[in-house]
Every structure is written in C-alpha cells, then in structure tokens.
Amino acid sequence: MPYIYSQAKIPLEESLTINPFVSKDEECPSSKYHLRGVVHHIGGTAFSGHYTACDKRTLKEDGEDGKKSAENTSQDNKEQWVFFDDRAGSKKDLEFVTGTERNQRNCYMALYELKK
C-alpha cells in the first residue's frame, strides 16, 4: 500500500487548549499546551527525504564575568528557538517556526508541553 504525502498547510499555534474537545461531563484541566518542538520532513515519502527540526531551548544568561553560570536562577533563563539541519543549529524566532509557509507544509510532527 503506497503512502500519500500531503503538503497541506498545518497551522501551528504557539499554545492550544483541549477544552473544546472535552465532554462537558468530564473534568478538564484549565491548562494550556505550549509548542515545544516541530519535526519537518522534506521529501516524497516517509522513507526518503530529509528531516529537520525546530526546538525551544532554555538558555542560561551570561553572568557578570561573561561566562555561563550554573548558579543562575530560573529567572535568568531565556527560551530560544533553534532550527536543526543535520549538524548545524541556528537561532530562530517564533515567526520562523509557526509562520513560514515552508515549515507549515513540511510539518511532520508538532510537540506540545502541558503548562499548568
């Protein structure tokens, strides 16, 4: 059975909630899911082509001496999107991850994290 590869645009949202999809009789957490990563596939089938990824990383801010410090509190941490293509990684913004048509059409998997 051949697999058909669709290049339909997948709208990626920075955050989403499942509340509209939960029965009114069920208890639903009032939490949101936040986009944490996206896997892209460029190619005709899942067995051939090229995979890339965008990942939201937590980076520690430099200390006063310009060096990374393990003593920094979580308030000193900054989240940054990074685009990975083979061995190369480059910093990107949210618009690159969610807003570019190329990334929407090549979206293979979107990974969300539950934030309470």
PDB file of N, CA and C in Angstrom:
ATOM      1  N   MET A   1       0.837  -1.177   0.000  1.00  0.00           N
ATOM      2  CA  MET A   1       0.000   0.000   0.000  1.00  0.00           C
ATOM      3  C   MET A   1       0.885   1.244   0.000  1.00  0.00           C
ATOM      4  N   PRO A   2       0.774   2.087  -0.985  1.00  0.00           N
ATOM      5  CA  PRO A   2       1.607   3.303  -1.033  1.00  0.00           C
ATOM      6  C   PRO A   2       1.097   4.362  -0.058  1.00  0.00           C
ATOM      7  N   TYR A   3       2.040   5.098   0.509  1.00  0.00           N
ATOM      8  CA  TYR A   3       1.690   6.199   1.392  1.00  0.00           C
ATOM      9  C   TYR A   3       1.624   7.465   0.564  1.00  0.00           C
ATOM     10  N   ILE A   4       0.614   8.269   0.817  1.00  0.00           N
ATOM     11  CA  ILE A   4       0.456   9.526   0.090  1.00  0.00           C
ATOM     12  C   ILE A   4       0.961  10.648   0.989  1.00  0.00           C
ATOM     13  N   TYR A   5       1.833  11.460   0.447  1.00  0.00           N
ATOM     14  CA  TYR A   5       2.422  12.562   1.195  1.00  0.00           C
ATOM     15  C   TYR A   5       1.655  13.825   0.861  1.00  0.00           C
ATOM     16  N   SER A   6       1.027  14.405   1.860  1.00  0.00           N
ATOM     17  CA  SER A   6       0.249  15.623   1.670  1.00  0.00           C
ATOM     18  C   SER A   6       1.113  16.825   2.023  1.00  0.00           C
ATOM     19  N   GLN A   7       1.011  17.855   1.220  1.00  0.00           N
ATOM     20  CA  GLN A   7       1.722  19.088   1.545  1.00  0.00           C
ATOM     21  C   GLN A   7       0.733  20.180   1.929  1.00  0.00           C
ATOM     22  N   ALA A   8      -0.335  19.768   2.610  1.00  0.00           N
ATOM     23  CA  ALA A   8      -1.307  20.734   3.116  1.00  0.00           C
ATOM     24  C   ALA A   8      -0.653  21.564   4.219  1.00  0.00           C
ATOM     25  N   LYS A   9      -1.043  22.822   4.301  1.00  0.00           N
ATOM     26  CA  LYS A   9      -0.510  23.683   5.346  1.00  0.00           C
ATOM     27  C   LYS A   9      -1.087  23.265   6.699  1.00  0.00           C
ATOM     28  N   ILE A  10      -0.215  23.075   7.666  1.00  0.00           N
ATOM     29  CA  ILE A  10      -0.615  22.747   9.031  1.00  0.00           C
ATOM     30  C   ILE A  10      -0.451  24.022   9.857  1.00  0.00           C
ATOM     31  N   PRO A  11      -1.549  24.627  10.288  1.00  0.00           N
ATOM     32  CA  PRO A  11      -1.406  25.845  11.100  1.00  0.00           C
ATOM     33  C   PRO A  11      -0.848  25.494  12.475  1.00  0.00           C
ATOM     34  N   LEU A  12       0.277  26.057  12.809  1.00  0.00           N
ATOM     35  CA  LEU A  12       0.914  25.815  14.098  1.00  0.00           C
ATOM     36  C   LEU A  12       0.622  26.985  15.019  1.00  0.00           C
ATOM     37  N   GLU A  13       0.129  26.671  16.204  1.00  0.00           N
ATOM     38  CA  GLU A  13      -0.177  27.690  17.197  1.00  0.00           C
ATOM     39  C   GLU A  13       0.857  27.620  18.315  1.00  0.00           C
ATOM     40  N   GLU A  14       1.187  28.774  18.881  1.00  0.00           N
ATOM     41  CA  GLU A  14       2.147  28.801  19.979  1.00  0.00           C
ATOM     42  C   GLU A  14       1.590  28.076  21.201  1.00  0.00           C
ATOM     43  N   SER A  15       0.286  28.169  21.417  1.00  0.00           N
ATOM     44  CA  SER A  15      -0.339  27.447  22.522  1.00  0.00           C
ATOM     45  C   SER A  15      -1.731  27.009  22.106  1.00  0.00           C
ATOM     46  N   LEU A  16      -2.211  25.960  22.760  1.00  0.00           N
ATOM     47  CA  LEU A  16      -3.559  25.482  22.482  1.00  0.00           C
ATOM     48  C   LEU A  16      -4.134  24.846  23.734  1.00  0.00           C
ATOM     49  N   THR A  17      -5.446  24.673  23.725  1.00  0.00           N
ATOM     50  CA  THR A  17      -6.139  24.032  24.830  1.00  0.00           C
ATOM     51  C   THR A  17      -7.043  22.951  24.262  1.00  0.00           C
ATOM     52  N   ILE A  18      -7.310  21.928  25.060  1.00  0.00           N
ATOM     53  CA  ILE A  18      -8.177  20.844  24.594  1.00  0.00           C
ATOM     54  C   ILE A  18      -9.609  21.016  25.080  1.00  0.00           C
ATOM     55  N   ASN A  19      -9.898  22.101  25.795  1.00  0.00           N
ATOM     56  CA  ASN A  19     -11.226  22.317  26.358  1.00  0.00           C
ATOM     57  C   ASN A  19     -12.358  22.146  25.345  1.00  0.00           C
ATOM     58  N   PRO A  20     -12.255  22.654  24.114  1.00  0.00           N
ATOM     59  CA  PRO A  20     -13.368  22.488  23.176  1.00  0.00           C
ATOM     60  C   PRO A  20     -13.635  21.033  22.776  1.00  0.00           C
ATOM     61  N   PHE A  21     -12.696  20.136  23.042  1.00  0.00           N
ATOM     62  CA  PHE A  21     -12.825  18.745  22.605  1.00  0.00           C
ATOM     63  C   PHE A  21     -13.164  17.793  23.747  1.00  0.00           C
ATOM     64  N   VAL A  22     -13.379  18.339  24.941  1.00  0.00           N
ATOM     65  CA  VAL A  22     -13.676  17.513  26.102  1.00  0.00           C
ATOM     66  C   VAL A  22     -15.169  17.596  26.395  1.00  0.00           C
ATOM     67  N   SER A  23     -15.757  16.458  26.715  1.00  0.00           N
ATOM     68  CA  SER A  23     -17.173  16.402  27.052  1.00  0.00           C
ATOM     69  C   SER A  23     -17.444  17.285  28.262  1.00  0.00           C
ATOM     70  N   LYS A  24     -18.613  17.897  28.271  1.00  0.00           N
ATOM     71  CA  LYS A  24     -18.971  18.757  29.399  1.00  0.00           C
ATOM     72  C   LYS A  24     -19.106  17.962  30.690  1.00  0.00           C
ATOM     73  N   ASP A  25     -19.307  16.645  30.574  1.00  0.00           N
ATOM     74  CA  ASP A  25     -19.440  15.787  31.752  1.00  0.00           C
ATOM     75  C   ASP A  25     -18.089  15.430  32.360  1.00  0.00           C
ATOM     76  N   GLU A  26     -17.010  15.632  31.611  1.00  0.00           N
ATOM     77  CA  GLU A  26     -15.681  15.273  32.085  1.00  0.00           C
ATOM     78  C   GLU A  26     -14.969  16.486  32.671  1.00  0.00           C
ATOM     79  N   GLU A  27     -14.115  16.209  33.647  1.00  0.00           N
ATOM     80  CA  GLU A  27     -13.314  17.273  34.226  1.00  0.00           C
ATOM     81  C   GLU A  27     -12.154  17.577  33.286  1.00  0.00           C
ATOM     82  N   CYS A  28     -11.928  18.832  33.029  1.00  0.00           N
ATOM     83  CA  CYS A  28     -10.873  19.229  32.095  1.00  0.00           C
ATOM     84  C   CYS A  28      -9.922  20.186  32.795  1.00  0.00           C
ATOM     85  N   PRO A  29      -8.630  19.906  32.737  1.00  0.00           N
ATOM     86  CA  PRO A  29      -7.685  20.852  33.346  1.00  0.00           C
ATOM     87  C   PRO A  29      -7.718  22.176  32.593  1.00  0.00           C
ATOM     88  N   SER A  30      -7.597  23.250  33.338  1.00  0.00           N
ATOM     89  CA  SER A  30      -7.634  24.571  32.709  1.00  0.00           C
ATOM     90  C   SER A  30      -6.240  24.995  32.274  1.00  0.00           C
ATOM     91  N   SER A  31      -5.444  24.037  31.880  1.00  0.00           N
ATOM     92  CA  SER A  31      -4.072  24.315  31.479  1.00  0.00           C
ATOM     93  C   SER A  31      -3.966  24.437  29.963  1.00  0.00           C
ATOM     94  N   LYS A  32      -2.892  25.041  29.536  1.00  0.00           N
ATOM     95  CA  LYS A  32      -2.615  25.175  28.110  1.00  0.00           C
ATOM     96  C   LYS A  32      -1.413  24.335  27.741  1.00  0.00           C
ATOM     97  N   TYR A  33      -1.398  23.920  26.499  1.00  0.00           N
ATOM     98  CA  TYR A  33      -0.255  23.233  25.927  1.00  0.00           C
ATOM     99  C   TYR A  33       0.533  24.257  25.116  1.00  0.00           C
ATOM    100  N   HIS A  34       1.845  24.277  25.302  1.00  0.00           N
ATOM    101  CA  HIS A  34       2.706  25.229  24.600  1.00  0.00           C
ATOM    102  C   HIS A  34       3.625  24.484  23.639  1.00  0.00           C
ATOM    103  N   LEU A  35       3.767  25.040  22.447  1.00  0.00           N
ATOM    104  CA  LEU A  35       4.608  24.430  21.419  1.00  0.00           C
ATOM    105  C   LEU A  35       6.038  24.347  21.921  1.00  0.00           C
ATOM    106  N   ARG A  36       6.620  23.156  21.823  1.00  0.00           N
ATOM    107  CA  ARG A  36       7.979  22.922  22.317  1.00  0.00           C
ATOM    108  C   ARG A  36       8.925  22.512  21.199  1.00  0.00           C
ATOM    109  N   GLY A  37       8.375  21.878  20.141  1.00  0.00           N
ATOM    110  CA  GLY A  37       9.224  21.439  19.046  1.00  0.00           C
ATOM    111  C   GLY A  37       8.403  21.067  17.825  1.00  0.00           C
ATOM    112  N   VAL A  38       9.054  21.095  16.681  1.00  0.00           N
ATOM    113  CA  VAL A  38       8.420  20.725  15.417  1.00  0.00           C
ATOM    114  C   VAL A  38       9.427  19.924  14.607  1.00  0.00           C
ATOM    115  N   VAL A  39       8.968  18.793  14.061  1.00  0.00           N
ATOM    116  CA  VAL A  39       9.789  17.992  13.155  1.00  0.00           C
ATOM    117  C   VAL A  39       9.260  18.234  11.747  1.00  0.00           C
ATOM    118  N   HIS A  40      10.170  18.535  10.826  1.00  0.00           N
ATOM    119  CA  HIS A  40       9.806  18.773   9.424  1.00  0.00           C
ATOM    120  C   HIS A  40      10.335  17.631   8.562  1.00  0.00           C
ATOM    121  N   HIS A  41       9.609  17.328   7.503  1.00  0.00           N
ATOM    122  CA  HIS A  41      10.069  16.328   6.540  1.00  0.00           C
ATOM    123  C   HIS A  41       9.951  16.912   5.140  1.00  0.00           C
ATOM    124  N   ILE A  42      11.041  16.847   4.404  1.00  0.00           N
ATOM    125  CA  ILE A  42      11.071  17.305   3.014  1.00  0.00           C
ATOM    126  C   ILE A  42      11.363  16.088   2.160  1.00  0.00           C
ATOM    127  N   GLY A  43      10.398  15.690   1.339  1.00  0.00           N
ATOM    128  CA  GLY A  43      10.584  14.510   0.505  1.00  0.00           C
ATOM    129  C   GLY A  43       9.257  13.906   0.106  1.00  0.00           C
ATOM    130  N   GLY A  44       9.320  12.912  -0.773  1.00  0.00           N
ATOM    131  CA  GLY A  44       8.109  12.309  -1.325  1.00  0.00           C
ATOM    132  C   GLY A  44       7.455  11.289  -0.418  1.00  0.00           C
ATOM    133  N   THR A  45       8.236  10.564   0.393  1.00  0.00           N
ATOM    134  CA  THR A  45       7.677   9.562   1.294  1.00  0.00           C
ATOM    135  C   THR A  45       8.393   9.650   2.631  1.00  0.00           C
ATOM    136  N   ALA A  46       7.824   8.990   3.628  1.00  0.00           N
ATOM    137  CA  ALA A  46       8.456   8.985   4.948  1.00  0.00           C
ATOM    138  C   ALA A  46       9.755   8.190   4.945  1.00  0.00           C
ATOM    139  N   PHE A  47       9.946   7.379   3.924  1.00  0.00           N
ATOM    140  CA  PHE A  47      11.141   6.529   3.839  1.00  0.00           C
ATOM    141  C   PHE A  47      12.279   7.201   3.078  1.00  0.00           C
ATOM    142  N   SER A  48      12.000   8.311   2.457  1.00  0.00           N
ATOM    143  CA  SER A  48      13.054   9.023   1.742  1.00  0.00           C
ATOM    144  C   SER A  48      12.851  10.515   1.947  1.00  0.00           C
ATOM    145  N   GLY A  49      13.911  11.253   1.830  1.00  0.00           N
ATOM    146  CA  GLY A  49      13.825  12.689   2.016  1.00  0.00           C
ATOM    147  C   GLY A  49      14.765  13.154   3.106  1.00  0.00           C
ATOM    148  N   HIS A  50      14.413  14.271   3.704  1.00  0.00           N
ATOM    149  CA  HIS A  50      15.293  14.920   4.672  1.00  0.00           C
ATOM    150  C   HIS A  50      14.455  15.427   5.836  1.00  0.00           C
ATOM    151  N   TYR A  51      14.928  15.202   7.038  1.00  0.00           N
ATOM    152  CA  TYR A  51      14.247  15.675   8.237  1.00  0.00           C
ATOM    153  C   TYR A  51      15.019  16.829   8.858  1.00  0.00           C
ATOM    154  N   THR A  52      14.285  17.836   9.330  1.00  0.00           N
ATOM    155  CA  THR A  52      14.855  18.941  10.101  1.00  0.00           C
ATOM    156  C   THR A  52      13.963  19.126  11.327  1.00  0.00           C
ATOM    157  N   ALA A  53      14.393  19.952  12.260  1.00  0.00           N
ATOM    158  CA  ALA A  53      13.593  20.174  13.463  1.00  0.00           C
ATOM    159  C   ALA A  53      13.810  21.563  14.019  1.00  0.00           C
ATOM    160  N   CYS A  54      12.794  22.066  14.679  1.00  0.00           N
ATOM    161  CA  CYS A  54      12.887  23.285  15.474  1.00  0.00           C
ATOM    162  C   CYS A  54      12.596  22.885  16.910  1.00  0.00           C
ATOM    163  N   ASP A  55      13.401  23.403  17.827  1.00  0.00           N
ATOM    164  CA  ASP A  55      13.271  23.030  19.225  1.00  0.00           C
ATOM    165  C   ASP A  55      13.407  24.279  20.083  1.00  0.00           C
ATOM    166  N   LYS A  56      12.560  24.386  21.092  1.00  0.00           N
ATOM    167  CA  LYS A  56      12.636  25.515  22.011  1.00  0.00           C
ATOM    168  C   LYS A  56      13.577  25.126  23.140  1.00  0.00           C
ATOM    169  N   ARG A  57      14.691  25.828  23.238  1.00  0.00           N
ATOM    170  CA  ARG A  57      15.728  25.531  24.229  1.00  0.00           C
ATOM    171  C   ARG A  57      15.731  26.596  25.314  1.00  0.00           C
ATOM    172  N   THR A  58      16.083  26.169  26.516  1.00  0.00           N
ATOM    173  CA  THR A  58      16.263  27.097  27.620  1.00  0.00           C
ATOM    174  C   THR A  58      17.745  27.393  27.725  1.00  0.00           C
ATOM    175  N   LEU A  59      18.092  28.647  27.526  1.00  0.00           N
ATOM    176  CA  LEU A  59      19.485  29.078  27.575  1.00  0.00           C
ATOM    177  C   LEU A  59      19.707  29.895  28.835  1.00  0.00           C
ATOM    178  N   LYS A  60      20.830  29.685  29.479  1.00  0.00           N
ATOM    179  CA  LYS A  60      21.157  30.479  30.656  1.00  0.00           C
ATOM    180  C   LYS A  60      21.851  31.754  30.206  1.00  0.00           C
ATOM    181  N   GLU A  61      21.492  32.836  30.868  1.00  0.00           N
ATOM    182  CA  GLU A  61      22.122  34.121  30.575  1.00  0.00           C
ATOM    183  C   GLU A  61      23.546  34.121  31.109  1.00  0.00           C
ATOM    184  N   ASP A  62      24.406  34.882  30.474  1.00  0.00           N
ATOM    185  CA  ASP A  62      25.778  35.014  30.949  1.00  0.00           C
ATOM    186  C   ASP A  62      25.807  35.794  32.259  1.00  0.00           C
ATOM    187  N   GLY A  63      26.741  35.417  33.129  1.00  0.00           N
ATOM    188  CA  GLY A  63      26.933  36.136  34.380  1.00  0.00           C
ATOM    189  C   GLY A  63      27.682  37.434  34.139  1.00  0.00           C
ATOM    190  N   GLU A  64      28.021  38.123  35.211  1.00  0.00           N
ATOM    191  CA  GLU A  64      28.731  39.393  35.090  1.00  0.00           C
ATOM    192  C   GLU A  64      30.085  39.237  34.432  1.00  0.00           C
ATOM    193  N   ASP A  65      30.714  38.056  34.606  1.00  0.00           N
ATOM    194  CA  ASP A  65      32.035  37.840  34.041  1.00  0.00           C
ATOM    195  C   ASP A  65      31.971  37.342  32.592  1.00  0.00           C
ATOM    196  N   GLY A  66      30.761  37.244  32.047  1.00  0.00           N
ATOM    197  CA  GLY A  66      30.621  36.813  30.658  1.00  0.00           C
ATOM    198  C   GLY A  66      30.585  35.313  30.475  1.00  0.00           C
ATOM    199  N   LYS A  67      30.695  34.566  31.587  1.00  0.00           N
ATOM    200  CA  LYS A  67      30.685  33.103  31.497  1.00  0.00           C
ATOM    201  C   LYS A  67      29.330  32.565  31.899  1.00  0.00           C
ATOM    202  N   LYS A  68      28.991  31.434  31.341  1.00  0.00           N
ATOM    203  CA  LYS A  68      27.756  30.766  31.725  1.00  0.00           C
ATOM    204  C   LYS A  68      27.904  30.290  33.158  1.00  0.00           C
ATOM    205  N   SER A  69      26.864  30.444  33.955  1.00  0.00           N
ATOM    206  CA  SER A  69      26.950  30.064  35.359  1.00  0.00           C
ATOM    207  C   SER A  69      25.863  29.064  35.707  1.00  0.00           C
ATOM    208  N   ALA A  70      26.238  28.031  36.443  1.00  0.00           N
ATOM    209  CA  ALA A  70      25.267  27.046  36.910  1.00  0.00           C
ATOM    210  C   ALA A  70      24.485  27.584  38.095  1.00  0.00           C
ATOM    211  N   GLU A  71      24.914  28.705  38.654  1.00  0.00           N
ATOM    212  CA  GLU A  71      24.257  29.276  39.822  1.00  0.00           C
ATOM    213  C   GLU A  71      23.101  30.189  39.445  1.00  0.00           C
ATOM    214  N   ASN A  72      22.908  30.448  38.178  1.00  0.00           N
ATOM    215  CA  ASN A  72      21.817  31.324  37.762  1.00  0.00           C
ATOM    216  C   ASN A  72      20.480  30.724  38.171  1.00  0.00           C
ATOM    217  N   THR A  73      19.562  31.559  38.593  1.00  0.00           N
ATOM    218  CA  THR A  73      18.227  31.078  38.927  1.00  0.00           C
ATOM    219  C   THR A  73      17.431  30.895  37.649  1.00  0.00           C
ATOM    220  N   SER A  74      16.275  30.245  37.772  1.00  0.00           N
ATOM    221  CA  SER A  74      15.445  30.011  36.591  1.00  0.00           C
ATOM    222  C   SER A  74      14.961  31.327  35.986  1.00  0.00           C
ATOM    223  N   GLN A  75      14.945  32.405  36.781  1.00  0.00           N
ATOM    224  CA  GLN A  75      14.534  33.702  36.253  1.00  0.00           C
ATOM    225  C   GLN A  75      15.569  34.245  35.265  1.00  0.00           C
ATOM    226  N   ASP A  76      16.804  33.759  35.348  1.00  0.00           N
ATOM    227  CA  ASP A  76      17.852  34.208  34.447  1.00  0.00           C
ATOM    228  C   ASP A  76      17.837  33.441  33.126  1.00  0.00           C
ATOM    229  N   ASN A  77      17.004  32.415  33.032  1.00  0.00           N
ATOM    230  CA  ASN A  77      16.968  31.591  31.833  1.00  0.00           C
ATOM    231  C   ASN A  77      16.104  32.236  30.766  1.00  0.00           C
ATOM    232  N   LYS A  78      16.499  32.040  29.527  1.00  0.00           N
ATOM    233  CA  LYS A  78      15.795  32.609  28.385  1.00  0.00           C
ATOM    234  C   LYS A  78      15.488  31.474  27.417  1.00  0.00           C
ATOM    235  N   GLU A  79      14.287  31.459  26.874  1.00  0.00           N
ATOM    236  CA  GLU A  79      13.942  30.429  25.900  1.00  0.00           C
ATOM    237  C   GLU A  79      14.218  30.947  24.499  1.00  0.00           C
ATOM    238  N   GLN A  80      14.771  30.085  23.675  1.00  0.00           N
ATOM    239  CA  GLN A  80      15.177  30.443  22.313  1.00  0.00           C
ATOM    240  C   GLN A  80      14.844  29.292  21.377  1.00  0.00           C
ATOM    241  N   TRP A  81      14.248  29.603  20.226  1.00  0.00           N
ATOM    242  CA  TRP A  81      14.016  28.582  19.205  1.00  0.00           C
ATOM    243  C   TRP A  81      15.306  28.329  18.446  1.00  0.00           C
ATOM    244  N   VAL A  82      15.587  27.049  18.186  1.00  0.00           N
ATOM    245  CA  VAL A  82      16.776  26.660  17.428  1.00  0.00           C
ATOM    246  C   VAL A  82      16.319  25.736  16.305  1.00  0.00           C
ATOM    247  N   PHE A  83      16.778  26.025  15.089  1.00  0.00           N
ATOM    248  CA  PHE A  83      16.483  25.211  13.914  1.00  0.00           C
ATOM    249  C   PHE A  83      17.669  24.287  13.670  1.00  0.00           C
ATOM    250  N   PHE A  84      17.401  22.972  13.588  1.00  0.00           N
ATOM    251  CA  PHE A  84      18.449  21.982  13.383  1.00  0.00           C
ATOM    252  C   PHE A  84      18.321  21.373  11.992  1.00  0.00           C
ATOM    253  N   ASP A  85      19.421  21.390  11.258  1.00  0.00           N
ATOM    254  CA  ASP A  85      19.501  20.782   9.938  1.00  0.00           C
ATOM    255  C   ASP A  85      20.830  20.043   9.875  1.00  0.00           C
ATOM    256  N   ASP A  86      20.759  18.722   9.964  1.00  0.00           N
ATOM    257  CA  ASP A  86      21.949  17.882  10.084  1.00  0.00           C
ATOM    258  C   ASP A  86      22.743  18.319  11.308  1.00  0.00           C
ATOM    259  N   ARG A  87      23.987  18.687  11.144  1.00  0.00           N
ATOM    260  CA  ARG A  87      24.809  19.054  12.303  1.00  0.00           C
ATOM    261  C   ARG A  87      24.757  20.534  12.638  1.00  0.00           C
ATOM    262  N   ALA A  88      24.061  21.309  11.836  1.00  0.00           N
ATOM    263  CA  ALA A  88      24.028  22.755  12.046  1.00  0.00           C
ATOM    264  C   ALA A  88      22.781  23.165  12.819  1.00  0.00           C
ATOM    265  N   GLY A  89      22.968  24.069  13.761  1.00  0.00           N
ATOM    266  CA  GLY A  89      21.867  24.644  14.507  1.00  0.00           C
ATOM    267  C   GLY A  89      21.944  26.152  14.427  1.00  0.00           C
ATOM    268  N   SER A  90      20.799  26.803  14.231  1.00  0.00           N
ATOM    269  CA  SER A  90      20.791  28.258  14.155  1.00  0.00           C
ATOM    270  C   SER A  90      19.587  28.804  14.910  1.00  0.00           C
ATOM    271  N   LYS A  91      19.788  29.925  15.597  1.00  0.00           N
ATOM    272  CA  LYS A  91      18.729  30.553  16.373  1.00  0.00           C
ATOM    273  C   LYS A  91      17.674  31.129  15.431  1.00  0.00           C
ATOM    274  N   LYS A  92      16.410  30.929  15.807  1.00  0.00           N
ATOM    275  CA  LYS A  92      15.286  31.443  15.019  1.00  0.00           C
ATOM    276  C   LYS A  92      14.261  32.040  15.965  1.00  0.00           C
ATOM    277  N   ASP A  93      13.296  32.758  15.401  1.00  0.00           N
ATOM    278  CA  ASP A  93      12.222  33.303  16.218  1.00  0.00           C
ATOM    279  C   ASP A  93      10.943  32.496  16.003  1.00  0.00           C
ATOM    280  N   LEU A  94       9.920  32.791  16.783  1.00  0.00           N
ATOM    281  CA  LEU A  94       8.666  32.063  16.717  1.00  0.00           C
ATOM    282  C   LEU A  94       8.024  32.174  15.337  1.00  0.00           C
ATOM    283  N   GLU A  95       8.153  33.314  14.698  1.00  0.00           N
ATOM    284  CA  GLU A  95       7.572  33.507  13.361  1.00  0.00           C
ATOM    285  C   GLU A  95       8.146  32.518  12.360  1.00  0.00           C
ATOM    286  N   PHE A  96       9.431  32.234  12.447  1.00  0.00           N
ATOM    287  CA  PHE A  96      10.042  31.246  11.557  1.00  0.00           C
ATOM    288  C   PHE A  96       9.425  29.872  11.793  1.00  0.00           C
ATOM    289  N   VAL A  97       9.198  29.519  13.055  1.00  0.00           N
ATOM    290  CA  VAL A  97       8.692  28.195  13.411  1.00  0.00           C
ATOM    291  C   VAL A  97       7.237  28.027  12.992  1.00  0.00           C
ATOM    292  N   THR A  98       6.398  29.000  13.301  1.00  0.00           N
ATOM    293  CA  THR A  98       4.954  28.843  13.089  1.00  0.00           C
ATOM    294  C   THR A  98       4.420  29.556  11.859  1.00  0.00           C
ATOM    295  N   GLY A  99       5.111  30.588  11.387  1.00  0.00           N
ATOM    296  CA  GLY A  99       4.521  31.447  10.367  1.00  0.00           C
ATOM    297  C   GLY A  99       4.960  31.224   8.937  1.00  0.00           C
ATOM    298  N   THR A 100       6.068  30.542   8.708  1.00  0.00           N
ATOM    299  CA  THR A 100       6.524  30.385   7.336  1.00  0.00           C
ATOM    300  C   THR A 100       5.763  29.255   6.645  1.00  0.00           C
ATOM    301  N   GLU A 101       5.353  29.505   5.420  1.00  0.00           N
ATOM    302  CA  GLU A 101       4.580  28.519   4.667  1.00  0.00           C
ATOM    303  C   GLU A 101       5.373  27.232   4.466  1.00  0.00           C
ATOM    304  N   ARG A 102       6.661  27.344   4.232  1.00  0.00           N
ATOM    305  CA  ARG A 102       7.502  26.152   4.033  1.00  0.00           C
ATOM    306  C   ARG A 102       7.433  25.232   5.248  1.00  0.00           C
ATOM    307  N   ASN A 103       7.558  25.801   6.450  1.00  0.00           N
ATOM    308  CA  ASN A 103       7.514  24.991   7.660  1.00  0.00           C
ATOM    309  C   ASN A 103       6.121  24.418   7.910  1.00  0.00           C
ATOM    310  N   GLN A 104       5.077  25.159   7.543  1.00  0.00           N
ATOM    311  CA  GLN A 104       3.716  24.650   7.708  1.00  0.00           C
ATOM    312  C   GLN A 104       3.452  23.488   6.751  1.00  0.00           C
ATOM    313  N   ARG A 105       3.953  23.561   5.546  1.00  0.00           N
ATOM    314  CA  ARG A 105       3.727  22.489   4.568  1.00  0.00           C
ATOM    315  C   ARG A 105       4.597  21.255   4.837  1.00  0.00           C
ATOM    316  N   ASN A 106       5.738  21.436   5.476  1.00  0.00           N
ATOM    317  CA  ASN A 106       6.642  20.321   5.753  1.00  0.00           C
ATOM    318  C   ASN A 106       6.521  19.796   7.176  1.00  0.00           C
ATOM    319  N   CYS A 107       5.515  20.252   7.924  1.00  0.00           N
ATOM    320  CA  CYS A 107       5.334  19.814   9.307  1.00  0.00           C
ATOM    321  C   CYS A 107       4.996  18.327   9.326  1.00  0.00           C
ATOM    322  N   TYR A 108       5.825  17.561  10.009  1.00  0.00           N
ATOM    323  CA  TYR A 108       5.620  16.122  10.145  1.00  0.00           C
ATOM    324  C   TYR A 108       5.053  15.796  11.526  1.00  0.00           C
ATOM    325  N   MET A 109       5.510  16.551  12.544  1.00  0.00           N
ATOM    326  CA  MET A 109       5.045  16.313  13.903  1.00  0.00           C
ATOM    327  C   MET A 109       5.247  17.602  14.706  1.00  0.00           C
ATOM    328  N   ALA A 110       4.233  17.970  15.485  1.00  0.00           N
ATOM    329  CA  ALA A 110       4.335  19.121  16.391  1.00  0.00           C
ATOM    330  C   ALA A 110       4.269  18.593  17.820  1.00  0.00           C
ATOM    331  N   LEU A 111       5.179  19.053  18.653  1.00  0.00           N
ATOM    332  CA  LEU A 111       5.284  18.578  20.032  1.00  0.00           C
ATOM    333  C   LEU A 111       4.883  19.711  20.990  1.00  0.00           C
ATOM    334  N   TYR A 112       3.895  19.425  21.827  1.00  0.00           N
ATOM    335  CA  TYR A 112       3.406  20.402  22.788  1.00  0.00           C
ATOM    336  C   TYR A 112       3.668  19.906  24.202  1.00  0.00           C
ATOM    337  N   GLU A 113       3.877  20.862  25.106  1.00  0.00           N
ATOM    338  CA  GLU A 113       4.130  20.565  26.518  1.00  0.00           C
ATOM    339  C   GLU A 113       3.022  21.182  27.355  1.00  0.00           C
ATOM    340  N   LEU A 114       2.509  20.410  28.316  1.00  0.00           N
ATOM    341  CA  LEU A 114       1.461  20.897  29.207  1.00  0.00           C
ATOM    342  C   LEU A 114       2.066  21.829  30.245  1.00  0.00           C
ATOM    343  N   LYS A 115       1.553  23.051  30.291  1.00  0.00           N
ATOM    344  CA  LYS A 115       1.993  24.027  31.295  1.00  0.00           C
ATOM    345  C   LYS A 115       0.822  24.293  32.219  1.00  0.00           C
ATOM    346  N   LYS A 116       1.061  24.122  33.510  1.00  0.00           N
ATOM    347  CA  LYS A 116      -0.013  24.341  34.494  1.00  0.00           C
ATOM    348  C   LYS A 116       0.062  25.702  35.096  1.00  0.00           C
TER     349      LYS A 116
END
